[in-house]
Each structure stands twice: as structure tokens, then as C-alpha cells.
Amino acid sequence: MAAVLRAALALVDESQRQKTRPDFTRLRAMLFYIDEFPEKHHHRKESELLFPALRARTPLSRHLLERLDDDHACAEHNIRSVEHALAAFEFLGEPRRAEFEEAMARYADFYMMHMAVEETEVFPLAEQALIDEDWQQLDEAFSHQAESGVEQEERLCFAALLARISG
């Protein structure tokens, strides 16, 4: 996610510096990936599997996990706003460039902050609070989801999309 966000911001910055229109097709693909992958895979697994296990083990996590769940709840709306701003820029031109660039920057800041909280607060808390049994249950739940034929096929599609975005 961070790599896709940074690539999108770099694409926007480059077009701004060169005073050209960005590669809208590539930006749409990046935003589609950002919209689809976290919402259907990453956020759901955190909110439905990891966060309940943490809540059961430590009250320290309550406010932190509520904030992250709130982030997950508004993430779809936030990315749709960026996608709309991109479409407005693409179809209406330069008068909508600044609106898109601001929306993209706000979303990237929001999501990078979200990931930083997970990495610096949630994961260390999970390492401290969860016991072996919790990790086994989480591993089984994640493995069960990953073994689904639809899940595997979709992951291959996302991998191909990511390669296309990166290429």
C-alpha cells in the first residue's frame, strides 16, 4: 500500500513539475488497487480477526482499535472522494487539478498515518498481549481465508494489477 501511494504521489508531482497531464489510466489503476485491496482483504481481516483477539486480551487496545476501526469505516468514502476528484480533473481539466492534488495528498497522509499507527502501536501491542493460542487461531483463520479458491484467484489478479501499476 505504501509503495502504491508513494508511486501515485510521485506521478502527480511529476506531472505538476512538468506542467503536463498525468497518466490518468495508471492513476485510476493505482486508486482502484488502493480501494479494492485494503477494503476486501486487509481491513476486514484486521477488524474481524486481529482486533477482537486484542480486545479480549488487553483493555489498553480499546481506544486505539476503535480509532483504527473508524479509519477503516471511512476509508472507502475517502478513496471514493479521491477517485471522484481524479475523474473531475481528467474530464474537466486544469481547473480541477488542485482539487485532485489536495485530495490525493490528504488521503495519502491519512493512510500513511493509519499504517504507522498499526506498525508502531498495534503490532507491538499484539506481540505483547496475544498468547500462542491466539496466534494459532489467527494463523488458522488467515490460512482458511487464503485457501479459498476465490481468494487465491483474486490475489493473483491483484498481483497482476500491482505489477502493471509498477511497470
N, C-alpha and C. Protein backbone atom coordinates (compact mmCIF):
# COMPACT_ATOMS: atom_id res chain seq x y z
N MET A 1 0.82 -1.19 0.00
CA MET A 1 0.00 0.00 0.00
C MET A 1 0.86 1.25 0.00
N ALA A 2 1.85 1.27 0.85
CA ALA A 2 2.71 2.45 0.92
C ALA A 2 3.40 2.69 -0.41
N ALA A 3 3.86 1.62 -1.05
CA ALA A 3 4.54 1.77 -2.33
C ALA A 3 3.60 2.32 -3.40
N VAL A 4 2.35 1.85 -3.41
CA VAL A 4 1.38 2.34 -4.39
C VAL A 4 1.05 3.81 -4.11
N LEU A 5 0.87 4.15 -2.85
CA LEU A 5 0.60 5.56 -2.51
C LEU A 5 1.76 6.46 -2.91
N ARG A 6 2.97 6.02 -2.60
CA ARG A 6 4.15 6.84 -2.97
C ARG A 6 4.26 6.97 -4.49
N ALA A 7 3.99 5.89 -5.21
CA ALA A 7 4.05 5.94 -6.68
C ALA A 7 3.00 6.90 -7.23
N ALA A 8 1.80 6.88 -6.67
CA ALA A 8 0.75 7.79 -7.12
C ALA A 8 1.15 9.24 -6.85
N LEU A 9 1.68 9.50 -5.67
CA LEU A 9 2.11 10.86 -5.35
C LEU A 9 3.25 11.31 -6.26
N ALA A 10 4.17 10.40 -6.56
CA ALA A 10 5.28 10.74 -7.46
C ALA A 10 4.76 11.06 -8.86
N LEU A 11 3.79 10.30 -9.32
CA LEU A 11 3.19 10.55 -10.63
C LEU A 11 2.52 11.93 -10.67
N VAL A 12 1.82 12.25 -9.61
CA VAL A 12 1.16 13.56 -9.51
C VAL A 12 2.20 14.67 -9.46
N ASP A 13 3.23 14.49 -8.63
CA ASP A 13 4.29 15.51 -8.51
C ASP A 13 5.00 15.73 -9.84
N GLU A 14 5.29 14.63 -10.53
CA GLU A 14 5.98 14.73 -11.82
C GLU A 14 5.14 15.52 -12.83
N SER A 15 3.86 15.23 -12.90
CA SER A 15 3.01 15.94 -13.86
C SER A 15 2.89 17.42 -13.48
N GLN A 16 2.89 17.69 -12.19
CA GLN A 16 2.82 19.08 -11.73
C GLN A 16 4.10 19.83 -12.10
N ARG A 17 5.26 19.21 -11.85
CA ARG A 17 6.54 19.85 -12.18
C ARG A 17 6.67 20.09 -13.68
N GLN A 18 6.23 19.12 -14.47
CA GLN A 18 6.37 19.23 -15.92
C GLN A 18 5.23 20.00 -16.56
N LYS A 19 4.25 20.37 -15.74
CA LYS A 19 3.06 21.08 -16.22
C LYS A 19 2.37 20.31 -17.35
N THR A 20 2.24 19.00 -17.12
CA THR A 20 1.55 18.13 -18.07
C THR A 20 0.42 17.41 -17.34
N ARG A 21 -0.44 16.79 -18.12
CA ARG A 21 -1.49 15.97 -17.51
C ARG A 21 -0.88 14.64 -17.10
N PRO A 22 -1.27 14.12 -15.96
CA PRO A 22 -0.70 12.84 -15.52
C PRO A 22 -1.25 11.69 -16.36
N ASP A 23 -0.66 10.54 -16.17
CA ASP A 23 -1.13 9.31 -16.80
C ASP A 23 -2.39 8.88 -16.04
N PHE A 24 -3.55 9.30 -16.54
CA PHE A 24 -4.81 9.05 -15.84
C PHE A 24 -5.11 7.55 -15.73
N THR A 25 -4.78 6.80 -16.75
CA THR A 25 -5.04 5.36 -16.71
C THR A 25 -4.26 4.71 -15.58
N ARG A 26 -3.01 5.07 -15.45
CA ARG A 26 -2.19 4.50 -14.38
C ARG A 26 -2.69 4.96 -13.01
N LEU A 27 -3.04 6.24 -12.89
CA LEU A 27 -3.57 6.73 -11.62
C LEU A 27 -4.87 6.03 -11.24
N ARG A 28 -5.76 5.83 -12.21
CA ARG A 28 -7.01 5.10 -11.93
C ARG A 28 -6.72 3.68 -11.46
N ALA A 29 -5.75 3.03 -12.10
CA ALA A 29 -5.38 1.67 -11.69
C ALA A 29 -4.84 1.68 -10.25
N MET A 30 -4.03 2.67 -9.92
CA MET A 30 -3.50 2.77 -8.56
C MET A 30 -4.62 2.99 -7.55
N LEU A 31 -5.52 3.89 -7.86
CA LEU A 31 -6.62 4.17 -6.94
C LEU A 31 -7.56 2.97 -6.83
N PHE A 32 -7.76 2.27 -7.92
CA PHE A 32 -8.58 1.06 -7.87
C PHE A 32 -7.95 0.03 -6.94
N TYR A 33 -6.64 -0.16 -7.08
CA TYR A 33 -5.94 -1.11 -6.21
C TYR A 33 -6.08 -0.68 -4.74
N ILE A 34 -5.84 0.59 -4.47
CA ILE A 34 -5.95 1.12 -3.11
C ILE A 34 -7.36 0.90 -2.57
N ASP A 35 -8.35 1.11 -3.40
CA ASP A 35 -9.74 0.95 -3.00
C ASP A 35 -10.09 -0.51 -2.75
N GLU A 36 -9.71 -1.38 -3.65
CA GLU A 36 -10.12 -2.77 -3.59
C GLU A 36 -9.35 -3.61 -2.58
N PHE A 37 -8.04 -3.56 -2.63
CA PHE A 37 -7.27 -4.49 -1.82
C PHE A 37 -7.46 -4.29 -0.32
N PRO A 38 -7.27 -3.09 0.21
CA PRO A 38 -7.46 -2.94 1.66
C PRO A 38 -8.89 -3.24 2.10
N GLU A 39 -9.86 -2.78 1.34
CA GLU A 39 -11.25 -2.94 1.77
C GLU A 39 -11.68 -4.41 1.78
N LYS A 40 -11.30 -5.17 0.78
CA LYS A 40 -11.77 -6.55 0.68
C LYS A 40 -10.89 -7.55 1.42
N HIS A 41 -9.66 -7.18 1.70
CA HIS A 41 -8.74 -8.15 2.29
C HIS A 41 -8.16 -7.67 3.61
N HIS A 42 -7.39 -6.63 3.55
CA HIS A 42 -6.60 -6.21 4.69
C HIS A 42 -7.46 -5.70 5.85
N HIS A 43 -8.27 -4.69 5.63
CA HIS A 43 -9.07 -4.11 6.71
C HIS A 43 -10.01 -5.13 7.34
N ARG A 44 -10.65 -5.91 6.52
CA ARG A 44 -11.60 -6.89 7.03
C ARG A 44 -10.91 -7.87 7.97
N LYS A 45 -9.73 -8.33 7.59
CA LYS A 45 -9.01 -9.28 8.43
C LYS A 45 -8.60 -8.65 9.75
N GLU A 46 -8.18 -7.41 9.71
CA GLU A 46 -7.82 -6.74 10.95
C GLU A 46 -9.04 -6.58 11.85
N SER A 47 -10.10 -6.01 11.30
CA SER A 47 -11.29 -5.70 12.11
C SER A 47 -12.02 -6.94 12.60
N GLU A 48 -12.01 -8.01 11.81
CA GLU A 48 -12.77 -9.21 12.18
C GLU A 48 -11.94 -10.27 12.89
N LEU A 49 -10.62 -10.23 12.74
CA LEU A 49 -9.80 -11.29 13.33
C LEU A 49 -8.82 -10.77 14.38
N LEU A 50 -7.95 -9.87 13.97
CA LEU A 50 -6.90 -9.40 14.88
C LEU A 50 -7.44 -8.52 16.01
N PHE A 51 -8.25 -7.54 15.66
CA PHE A 51 -8.72 -6.59 16.68
C PHE A 51 -9.55 -7.26 17.78
N PRO A 52 -10.47 -8.18 17.46
CA PRO A 52 -11.21 -8.84 18.54
C PRO A 52 -10.28 -9.64 19.47
N ALA A 53 -9.27 -10.27 18.92
CA ALA A 53 -8.33 -11.02 19.75
C ALA A 53 -7.59 -10.07 20.70
N LEU A 54 -7.20 -8.92 20.19
CA LEU A 54 -6.52 -7.93 21.04
C LEU A 54 -7.45 -7.37 22.11
N ARG A 55 -8.67 -7.07 21.72
CA ARG A 55 -9.64 -6.53 22.68
C ARG A 55 -9.88 -7.51 23.83
N ALA A 56 -9.87 -8.79 23.50
CA ALA A 56 -10.11 -9.81 24.52
C ALA A 56 -8.93 -9.92 25.50
N ARG A 57 -7.75 -9.55 25.08
CA ARG A 57 -6.55 -9.72 25.91
C ARG A 57 -6.13 -8.47 26.69
N THR A 58 -6.46 -7.29 26.17
CA THR A 58 -5.98 -6.10 26.86
C THR A 58 -6.91 -4.91 26.67
N PRO A 59 -7.25 -4.25 27.78
CA PRO A 59 -8.09 -3.06 27.66
C PRO A 59 -7.30 -1.87 27.08
N LEU A 60 -5.99 -1.97 27.07
CA LEU A 60 -5.15 -0.89 26.52
C LEU A 60 -5.45 -0.63 25.05
N SER A 61 -5.96 -1.64 24.39
CA SER A 61 -6.16 -1.53 22.95
C SER A 61 -7.49 -0.87 22.57
N ARG A 62 -8.40 -0.71 23.51
CA ARG A 62 -9.77 -0.30 23.18
C ARG A 62 -9.82 0.98 22.34
N HIS A 63 -9.27 2.06 22.83
CA HIS A 63 -9.35 3.34 22.12
C HIS A 63 -8.57 3.30 20.80
N LEU A 64 -7.43 2.68 20.85
CA LEU A 64 -6.61 2.56 19.64
C LEU A 64 -7.34 1.80 18.54
N LEU A 65 -7.94 0.67 18.89
CA LEU A 65 -8.62 -0.15 17.89
C LEU A 65 -9.92 0.51 17.42
N GLU A 66 -10.59 1.23 18.30
CA GLU A 66 -11.78 1.99 17.88
C GLU A 66 -11.39 3.02 16.82
N ARG A 67 -10.26 3.69 17.05
CA ARG A 67 -9.79 4.69 16.08
C ARG A 67 -9.47 4.04 14.74
N LEU A 68 -8.81 2.89 14.78
CA LEU A 68 -8.46 2.21 13.53
C LEU A 68 -9.70 1.66 12.83
N ASP A 69 -10.65 1.15 13.61
CA ASP A 69 -11.92 0.71 13.01
C ASP A 69 -12.65 1.89 12.36
N ASP A 70 -12.61 3.05 13.01
CA ASP A 70 -13.20 4.25 12.42
C ASP A 70 -12.50 4.61 11.11
N ASP A 71 -11.17 4.49 11.10
CA ASP A 71 -10.41 4.73 9.86
C ASP A 71 -10.89 3.77 8.77
N HIS A 72 -11.03 2.50 9.13
CA HIS A 72 -11.49 1.51 8.15
C HIS A 72 -12.88 1.87 7.63
N ALA A 73 -13.74 2.33 8.52
CA ALA A 73 -15.11 2.66 8.13
C ALA A 73 -15.16 3.84 7.17
N CYS A 74 -14.27 4.80 7.33
CA CYS A 74 -14.32 5.98 6.45
C CYS A 74 -13.37 5.87 5.26
N ALA A 75 -12.55 4.84 5.23
CA ALA A 75 -11.57 4.70 4.15
C ALA A 75 -12.23 4.61 2.78
N GLU A 76 -13.31 3.87 2.69
CA GLU A 76 -13.98 3.71 1.40
C GLU A 76 -14.50 5.05 0.89
N HIS A 77 -15.13 5.80 1.77
CA HIS A 77 -15.62 7.14 1.38
C HIS A 77 -14.45 8.04 0.97
N ASN A 78 -13.36 7.98 1.74
CA ASN A 78 -12.21 8.83 1.44
C ASN A 78 -11.60 8.53 0.08
N ILE A 79 -11.44 7.25 -0.25
CA ILE A 79 -10.84 6.92 -1.54
C ILE A 79 -11.79 7.26 -2.68
N ARG A 80 -13.08 7.11 -2.45
CA ARG A 80 -14.06 7.50 -3.48
C ARG A 80 -13.96 9.00 -3.78
N SER A 81 -13.71 9.79 -2.77
CA SER A 81 -13.55 11.24 -2.96
C SER A 81 -12.33 11.52 -3.85
N VAL A 82 -11.25 10.77 -3.63
CA VAL A 82 -10.06 10.95 -4.45
C VAL A 82 -10.35 10.51 -5.89
N GLU A 83 -11.03 9.37 -6.04
CA GLU A 83 -11.38 8.89 -7.38
C GLU A 83 -12.27 9.89 -8.11
N HIS A 84 -13.20 10.49 -7.39
CA HIS A 84 -14.08 11.50 -7.99
C HIS A 84 -13.27 12.73 -8.40
N ALA A 85 -12.37 13.15 -7.54
CA ALA A 85 -11.54 14.32 -7.86
C ALA A 85 -10.65 14.04 -9.07
N LEU A 86 -10.17 12.80 -9.19
CA LEU A 86 -9.37 12.43 -10.37
C LEU A 86 -10.22 12.50 -11.63
N ALA A 87 -11.43 11.94 -11.57
CA ALA A 87 -12.32 11.99 -12.74
C ALA A 87 -12.64 13.43 -13.12
N ALA A 88 -12.87 14.27 -12.13
CA ALA A 88 -13.16 15.68 -12.42
C ALA A 88 -11.96 16.33 -13.10
N PHE A 89 -10.76 16.05 -12.63
CA PHE A 89 -9.55 16.59 -13.25
C PHE A 89 -9.40 16.07 -14.68
N GLU A 90 -9.60 14.77 -14.85
CA GLU A 90 -9.44 14.18 -16.18
C GLU A 90 -10.44 14.76 -17.18
N PHE A 91 -11.70 14.91 -16.77
CA PHE A 91 -12.74 15.31 -17.71
C PHE A 91 -12.96 16.82 -17.80
N LEU A 92 -12.63 17.54 -16.73
CA LEU A 92 -12.85 18.98 -16.73
C LEU A 92 -11.56 19.78 -16.84
N GLY A 93 -10.43 19.12 -16.72
CA GLY A 93 -9.15 19.75 -16.98
C GLY A 93 -8.53 20.51 -15.82
N GLU A 94 -7.64 21.41 -16.17
CA GLU A 94 -6.81 22.14 -15.22
C GLU A 94 -7.55 22.81 -14.06
N PRO A 95 -8.74 23.36 -14.29
CA PRO A 95 -9.41 23.97 -13.13
C PRO A 95 -9.63 23.00 -11.96
N ARG A 96 -9.56 21.70 -12.23
CA ARG A 96 -9.78 20.71 -11.17
C ARG A 96 -8.49 20.03 -10.71
N ARG A 97 -7.35 20.44 -11.24
CA ARG A 97 -6.06 19.83 -10.85
C ARG A 97 -5.80 19.99 -9.35
N ALA A 98 -5.89 21.20 -8.85
CA ALA A 98 -5.55 21.46 -7.43
C ALA A 98 -6.45 20.66 -6.50
N GLU A 99 -7.73 20.57 -6.83
CA GLU A 99 -8.66 19.80 -6.00
C GLU A 99 -8.23 18.33 -5.92
N PHE A 100 -7.85 17.77 -7.07
CA PHE A 100 -7.39 16.38 -7.08
C PHE A 100 -6.09 16.24 -6.29
N GLU A 101 -5.13 17.11 -6.55
CA GLU A 101 -3.84 17.00 -5.87
C GLU A 101 -4.00 17.11 -4.35
N GLU A 102 -4.87 17.99 -3.91
CA GLU A 102 -5.12 18.13 -2.47
C GLU A 102 -5.80 16.88 -1.91
N ALA A 103 -6.77 16.35 -2.64
CA ALA A 103 -7.47 15.14 -2.19
C ALA A 103 -6.50 13.96 -2.12
N MET A 104 -5.63 13.84 -3.11
CA MET A 104 -4.66 12.76 -3.14
C MET A 104 -3.69 12.89 -1.97
N ALA A 105 -3.20 14.08 -1.73
CA ALA A 105 -2.24 14.31 -0.63
C ALA A 105 -2.90 14.04 0.73
N ARG A 106 -4.14 14.50 0.91
CA ARG A 106 -4.86 14.26 2.17
C ARG A 106 -5.05 12.76 2.41
N TYR A 107 -5.46 12.04 1.36
CA TYR A 107 -5.68 10.61 1.50
C TYR A 107 -4.37 9.90 1.82
N ALA A 108 -3.31 10.24 1.11
CA ALA A 108 -2.02 9.60 1.36
C ALA A 108 -1.56 9.86 2.80
N ASP A 109 -1.71 11.08 3.28
CA ASP A 109 -1.34 11.40 4.67
C ASP A 109 -2.17 10.56 5.64
N PHE A 110 -3.48 10.50 5.40
CA PHE A 110 -4.39 9.73 6.24
C PHE A 110 -3.96 8.27 6.29
N TYR A 111 -3.72 7.69 5.13
CA TYR A 111 -3.43 6.26 5.09
C TYR A 111 -2.04 5.94 5.63
N MET A 112 -1.07 6.79 5.34
CA MET A 112 0.28 6.57 5.87
C MET A 112 0.26 6.66 7.40
N MET A 113 -0.50 7.59 7.93
CA MET A 113 -0.63 7.72 9.38
C MET A 113 -1.29 6.46 9.96
N HIS A 114 -2.32 5.99 9.29
CA HIS A 114 -3.02 4.77 9.71
C HIS A 114 -2.03 3.60 9.77
N MET A 115 -1.26 3.42 8.73
CA MET A 115 -0.29 2.32 8.69
C MET A 115 0.78 2.49 9.76
N ALA A 116 1.20 3.72 10.01
CA ALA A 116 2.21 3.97 11.03
C ALA A 116 1.69 3.58 12.41
N VAL A 117 0.43 3.87 12.69
CA VAL A 117 -0.16 3.51 13.98
C VAL A 117 -0.20 1.98 14.11
N GLU A 118 -0.57 1.31 13.04
CA GLU A 118 -0.60 -0.16 13.09
C GLU A 118 0.80 -0.71 13.38
N GLU A 119 1.79 -0.18 12.67
CA GLU A 119 3.15 -0.71 12.79
C GLU A 119 3.81 -0.36 14.12
N THR A 120 3.55 0.85 14.63
CA THR A 120 4.25 1.28 15.85
C THR A 120 3.48 1.01 17.13
N GLU A 121 2.16 0.83 17.03
CA GLU A 121 1.36 0.63 18.24
C GLU A 121 0.64 -0.72 18.28
N VAL A 122 -0.08 -1.05 17.21
CA VAL A 122 -0.90 -2.26 17.23
C VAL A 122 -0.04 -3.53 17.20
N PHE A 123 0.89 -3.61 16.27
CA PHE A 123 1.68 -4.83 16.16
C PHE A 123 2.54 -5.09 17.40
N PRO A 124 3.20 -4.06 17.96
CA PRO A 124 3.92 -4.31 19.22
C PRO A 124 2.98 -4.73 20.36
N LEU A 125 1.80 -4.12 20.43
CA LEU A 125 0.83 -4.50 21.45
C LEU A 125 0.39 -5.95 21.26
N ALA A 126 0.17 -6.34 20.02
CA ALA A 126 -0.23 -7.72 19.72
C ALA A 126 0.87 -8.69 20.15
N GLU A 127 2.12 -8.34 19.87
CA GLU A 127 3.22 -9.21 20.26
C GLU A 127 3.28 -9.39 21.78
N GLN A 128 2.93 -8.34 22.51
CA GLN A 128 2.97 -8.41 23.97
C GLN A 128 1.74 -9.13 24.54
N ALA A 129 0.57 -8.82 24.03
CA ALA A 129 -0.68 -9.24 24.66
C ALA A 129 -1.19 -10.61 24.22
N LEU A 130 -0.99 -10.96 22.96
CA LEU A 130 -1.55 -12.21 22.46
C LEU A 130 -0.71 -13.39 22.91
N ILE A 131 -1.39 -14.48 23.17
CA ILE A 131 -0.70 -15.70 23.59
C ILE A 131 -0.63 -16.67 22.41
N ASP A 132 0.10 -17.74 22.57
CA ASP A 132 0.30 -18.71 21.49
C ASP A 132 -1.02 -19.19 20.90
N GLU A 133 -1.99 -19.46 21.77
CA GLU A 133 -3.30 -19.92 21.30
C GLU A 133 -3.96 -18.89 20.38
N ASP A 134 -3.83 -17.62 20.71
CA ASP A 134 -4.38 -16.55 19.87
C ASP A 134 -3.72 -16.56 18.49
N TRP A 135 -2.39 -16.67 18.50
CA TRP A 135 -1.66 -16.66 17.23
C TRP A 135 -2.03 -17.88 16.38
N GLN A 136 -2.22 -19.03 17.02
CA GLN A 136 -2.63 -20.22 16.28
C GLN A 136 -4.00 -20.02 15.63
N GLN A 137 -4.93 -19.45 16.41
CA GLN A 137 -6.27 -19.20 15.87
C GLN A 137 -6.22 -18.19 14.73
N LEU A 138 -5.42 -17.15 14.88
CA LEU A 138 -5.27 -16.15 13.81
C LEU A 138 -4.65 -16.78 12.57
N ASP A 139 -3.61 -17.59 12.77
CA ASP A 139 -2.97 -18.27 11.64
C ASP A 139 -3.97 -19.17 10.90
N GLU A 140 -4.76 -19.92 11.67
CA GLU A 140 -5.77 -20.80 11.06
C GLU A 140 -6.81 -19.99 10.29
N ALA A 141 -7.26 -18.90 10.87
CA ALA A 141 -8.28 -18.07 10.21
C ALA A 141 -7.72 -17.46 8.93
N PHE A 142 -6.50 -16.95 9.00
CA PHE A 142 -5.89 -16.36 7.81
C PHE A 142 -5.63 -17.43 6.75
N SER A 143 -5.16 -18.60 7.19
CA SER A 143 -4.89 -19.70 6.25
C SER A 143 -6.18 -20.17 5.59
N HIS A 144 -7.25 -20.29 6.39
CA HIS A 144 -8.54 -20.74 5.85
C HIS A 144 -9.01 -19.78 4.77
N GLN A 145 -8.90 -18.47 5.02
CA GLN A 145 -9.32 -17.50 4.01
C GLN A 145 -8.43 -17.58 2.79
N ALA A 146 -7.13 -17.75 2.99
CA ALA A 146 -6.20 -17.79 1.87
C ALA A 146 -6.37 -19.05 1.02
N GLU A 147 -6.91 -20.12 1.61
CA GLU A 147 -7.08 -21.37 0.87
C GLU A 147 -8.31 -21.35 -0.03
N SER A 148 -9.18 -20.41 0.17
CA SER A 148 -10.37 -20.30 -0.66
C SER A 148 -9.95 -20.08 -2.11
N GLY A 149 -10.55 -20.82 -3.03
CA GLY A 149 -10.21 -20.68 -4.44
C GLY A 149 -10.43 -19.28 -4.97
N VAL A 150 -11.51 -18.65 -4.52
CA VAL A 150 -11.81 -17.28 -4.95
C VAL A 150 -10.73 -16.34 -4.43
N GLU A 151 -10.35 -16.52 -3.19
CA GLU A 151 -9.32 -15.68 -2.57
C GLU A 151 -8.01 -15.81 -3.34
N GLN A 152 -7.61 -17.04 -3.67
CA GLN A 152 -6.36 -17.25 -4.39
C GLN A 152 -6.42 -16.61 -5.78
N GLU A 153 -7.51 -16.81 -6.47
CA GLU A 153 -7.66 -16.24 -7.81
C GLU A 153 -7.62 -14.71 -7.75
N GLU A 154 -8.31 -14.15 -6.77
CA GLU A 154 -8.35 -12.70 -6.63
C GLU A 154 -6.96 -12.16 -6.27
N ARG A 155 -6.23 -12.86 -5.43
CA ARG A 155 -4.88 -12.43 -5.06
C ARG A 155 -3.97 -12.42 -6.30
N LEU A 156 -4.13 -13.40 -7.18
CA LEU A 156 -3.35 -13.41 -8.41
C LEU A 156 -3.70 -12.20 -9.28
N CYS A 157 -4.98 -11.87 -9.32
CA CYS A 157 -5.41 -10.70 -10.10
C CYS A 157 -4.82 -9.42 -9.51
N PHE A 158 -4.84 -9.30 -8.18
CA PHE A 158 -4.25 -8.12 -7.53
C PHE A 158 -2.75 -8.06 -7.77
N ALA A 159 -2.08 -9.21 -7.75
CA ALA A 159 -0.64 -9.24 -8.01
C ALA A 159 -0.35 -8.77 -9.43
N ALA A 160 -1.18 -9.20 -10.39
CA ALA A 160 -1.00 -8.77 -11.77
C ALA A 160 -1.26 -7.26 -11.90
N LEU A 161 -2.27 -6.77 -11.21
CA LEU A 161 -2.57 -5.34 -11.23
C LEU A 161 -1.40 -4.55 -10.63
N LEU A 162 -0.86 -5.03 -9.52
CA LEU A 162 0.25 -4.36 -8.88
C LEU A 162 1.46 -4.33 -9.80
N ALA A 163 1.72 -5.42 -10.50
CA ALA A 163 2.84 -5.47 -11.46
C ALA A 163 2.60 -4.46 -12.59
N ARG A 164 1.37 -4.35 -13.04
CA ARG A 164 1.03 -3.40 -14.11
C ARG A 164 1.23 -1.96 -13.64
N ILE A 165 0.83 -1.69 -12.41
CA ILE A 165 0.99 -0.35 -11.84
C ILE A 165 2.47 -0.01 -11.71
N SER A 166 3.25 -0.97 -11.26
CA SER A 166 4.68 -0.75 -11.01
C SER A 166 5.47 -0.64 -12.30
N GLY A 167 4.99 -1.33 -13.33
CA GLY A 167 5.74 -1.42 -14.57
C GLY A 167 5.65 -0.22 -15.38
